[in-house]
Amino acid sequence: MVCENDILEIPEKYKKMSEEELDREIEKLYKSMKDQNKGEIKEKVEKLPVKFFFLQ
């Protein structure tokens, strides 16, 4: 959460990156977060008393 009086500190490595590099970094972080959540969600679903089957 950010408030109007907060000071935003951006690390130097991000300040020096081009727009394309920042986009790649965002995608890399998003992918790692998405992969981490898969395991947690899978574990939670496996603990449920009801089984779900998704058809494609």
N, C-alpha and C. Protein backbone atom coordinates (compact mmCIF):
# COMPACT_ATOMS: atom_id res chain seq x y z
N MET A 1 0.85 -1.17 0.00
CA MET A 1 0.00 0.00 0.00
C MET A 1 0.89 1.24 0.00
N VAL A 2 0.53 2.22 -0.78
CA VAL A 2 1.31 3.44 -0.89
C VAL A 2 0.43 4.63 -0.53
N CYS A 3 0.98 5.52 0.27
CA CYS A 3 0.27 6.75 0.64
C CYS A 3 0.94 7.94 -0.03
N GLU A 4 0.28 9.07 -0.05
CA GLU A 4 0.80 10.23 -0.78
C GLU A 4 2.11 10.76 -0.24
N ASN A 5 2.42 10.56 1.03
CA ASN A 5 3.66 11.08 1.61
C ASN A 5 4.80 10.06 1.62
N ASP A 6 4.55 8.87 1.08
CA ASP A 6 5.59 7.84 1.05
C ASP A 6 6.67 8.22 0.05
N ILE A 7 7.89 7.82 0.36
CA ILE A 7 9.02 8.03 -0.54
C ILE A 7 9.25 6.72 -1.28
N LEU A 8 9.18 6.78 -2.59
CA LEU A 8 9.38 5.60 -3.42
C LEU A 8 10.85 5.43 -3.70
N GLU A 9 11.41 4.29 -3.27
CA GLU A 9 12.82 4.01 -3.49
C GLU A 9 12.94 2.91 -4.54
N ILE A 10 13.48 3.24 -5.69
CA ILE A 10 13.66 2.29 -6.78
C ILE A 10 15.14 1.89 -6.81
N PRO A 11 15.42 0.59 -6.72
CA PRO A 11 16.82 0.15 -6.78
C PRO A 11 17.49 0.59 -8.07
N GLU A 12 18.78 0.85 -8.00
CA GLU A 12 19.55 1.35 -9.14
C GLU A 12 19.49 0.43 -10.35
N LYS A 13 19.49 -0.89 -10.09
CA LYS A 13 19.48 -1.82 -11.23
C LYS A 13 18.22 -1.65 -12.08
N TYR A 14 17.09 -1.30 -11.46
CA TYR A 14 15.86 -1.08 -12.21
C TYR A 14 15.85 0.28 -12.90
N LYS A 15 16.48 1.26 -12.29
CA LYS A 15 16.55 2.59 -12.90
C LYS A 15 17.34 2.56 -14.20
N LYS A 16 18.34 1.68 -14.27
CA LYS A 16 19.22 1.62 -15.44
C LYS A 16 18.66 0.75 -16.56
N MET A 17 17.60 0.01 -16.31
CA MET A 17 17.04 -0.90 -17.30
C MET A 17 16.22 -0.16 -18.35
N SER A 18 16.24 -0.71 -19.57
CA SER A 18 15.39 -0.16 -20.63
C SER A 18 13.96 -0.68 -20.42
N GLU A 19 13.06 -0.17 -21.21
CA GLU A 19 11.67 -0.58 -21.10
C GLU A 19 11.51 -2.08 -21.41
N GLU A 20 12.24 -2.56 -22.41
CA GLU A 20 12.17 -3.97 -22.77
C GLU A 20 12.71 -4.85 -21.65
N GLU A 21 13.82 -4.41 -21.04
CA GLU A 21 14.39 -5.18 -19.92
C GLU A 21 13.43 -5.22 -18.74
N LEU A 22 12.77 -4.11 -18.47
CA LEU A 22 11.80 -4.08 -17.38
C LEU A 22 10.63 -5.01 -17.68
N ASP A 23 10.17 -5.03 -18.93
CA ASP A 23 9.08 -5.93 -19.32
C ASP A 23 9.48 -7.39 -19.12
N ARG A 24 10.71 -7.73 -19.51
CA ARG A 24 11.19 -9.10 -19.32
C ARG A 24 11.26 -9.45 -17.83
N GLU A 25 11.73 -8.50 -17.01
CA GLU A 25 11.83 -8.73 -15.57
C GLU A 25 10.44 -8.94 -14.96
N ILE A 26 9.47 -8.15 -15.40
CA ILE A 26 8.10 -8.29 -14.92
C ILE A 26 7.56 -9.67 -15.28
N GLU A 27 7.77 -10.10 -16.53
CA GLU A 27 7.31 -11.42 -16.96
C GLU A 27 7.98 -12.53 -16.16
N LYS A 28 9.27 -12.38 -15.89
CA LYS A 28 10.01 -13.38 -15.11
C LYS A 28 9.44 -13.47 -13.69
N LEU A 29 9.20 -12.32 -13.06
CA LEU A 29 8.64 -12.31 -11.71
C LEU A 29 7.23 -12.89 -11.69
N TYR A 30 6.43 -12.51 -12.69
CA TYR A 30 5.06 -13.03 -12.77
C TYR A 30 5.07 -14.55 -12.91
N LYS A 31 5.96 -15.07 -13.77
CA LYS A 31 6.03 -16.51 -13.99
C LYS A 31 6.45 -17.23 -12.70
N SER A 32 7.43 -16.67 -11.98
CA SER A 32 7.87 -17.33 -10.75
C SER A 32 6.77 -17.30 -9.69
N MET A 33 6.02 -16.21 -9.61
CA MET A 33 4.91 -16.13 -8.66
C MET A 33 3.80 -17.10 -9.04
N LYS A 34 3.52 -17.19 -10.33
CA LYS A 34 2.48 -18.08 -10.81
C LYS A 34 2.86 -19.53 -10.52
N ASP A 35 4.12 -19.90 -10.72
CA ASP A 35 4.58 -21.25 -10.45
C ASP A 35 4.52 -21.58 -8.96
N GLN A 36 4.84 -20.61 -8.12
CA GLN A 36 4.79 -20.84 -6.67
C GLN A 36 3.36 -21.09 -6.22
N ASN A 37 2.42 -20.32 -6.76
CA ASN A 37 1.02 -20.46 -6.36
C ASN A 37 0.42 -21.78 -6.81
N LYS A 38 0.89 -22.34 -7.93
CA LYS A 38 0.36 -23.60 -8.42
C LYS A 38 0.49 -24.69 -7.37
N GLY A 39 1.65 -24.77 -6.75
CA GLY A 39 1.87 -25.80 -5.74
C GLY A 39 0.96 -25.63 -4.55
N GLU A 40 0.79 -24.40 -4.08
CA GLU A 40 -0.06 -24.14 -2.93
C GLU A 40 -1.52 -24.45 -3.25
N ILE A 41 -1.97 -24.03 -4.42
CA ILE A 41 -3.36 -24.27 -4.80
C ILE A 41 -3.61 -25.77 -4.97
N LYS A 42 -2.65 -26.45 -5.60
CA LYS A 42 -2.80 -27.90 -5.80
C LYS A 42 -2.90 -28.62 -4.46
N GLU A 43 -2.06 -28.22 -3.50
CA GLU A 43 -2.10 -28.84 -2.17
C GLU A 43 -3.45 -28.60 -1.49
N LYS A 44 -3.97 -27.38 -1.59
CA LYS A 44 -5.26 -27.06 -0.98
C LYS A 44 -6.39 -27.87 -1.62
N VAL A 45 -6.36 -27.98 -2.95
CA VAL A 45 -7.40 -28.74 -3.65
C VAL A 45 -7.34 -30.21 -3.28
N GLU A 46 -6.14 -30.76 -3.14
CA GLU A 46 -5.99 -32.18 -2.79
C GLU A 46 -6.53 -32.47 -1.39
N LYS A 47 -6.53 -31.49 -0.50
CA LYS A 47 -7.03 -31.68 0.86
C LYS A 47 -8.55 -31.61 0.95
N LEU A 48 -9.20 -31.11 -0.09
CA LEU A 48 -10.65 -30.98 -0.07
C LEU A 48 -11.31 -32.35 -0.11
N PRO A 49 -12.47 -32.48 0.54
CA PRO A 49 -13.17 -33.78 0.51
C PRO A 49 -13.82 -34.06 -0.85
N VAL A 50 -13.94 -33.08 -1.70
CA VAL A 50 -14.55 -33.24 -3.01
C VAL A 50 -13.46 -33.13 -4.07
N LYS A 51 -13.54 -33.97 -5.09
CA LYS A 51 -12.56 -33.93 -6.17
C LYS A 51 -13.15 -33.20 -7.37
N PHE A 52 -12.32 -32.37 -8.01
CA PHE A 52 -12.75 -31.62 -9.19
C PHE A 52 -12.07 -32.20 -10.42
N PHE A 53 -12.84 -32.34 -11.48
CA PHE A 53 -12.30 -32.79 -12.76
C PHE A 53 -12.65 -31.73 -13.79
N PHE A 54 -11.65 -31.16 -14.45
CA PHE A 54 -11.87 -30.12 -15.44
C PHE A 54 -11.72 -30.72 -16.82
N LEU A 55 -12.77 -30.60 -17.62
CA LEU A 55 -12.74 -31.10 -18.99
C LEU A 55 -12.40 -29.97 -19.93
N GLN A 56 -11.63 -30.27 -20.95
CA GLN A 56 -11.25 -29.24 -21.91
C GLN A 56 -11.97 -29.45 -23.20
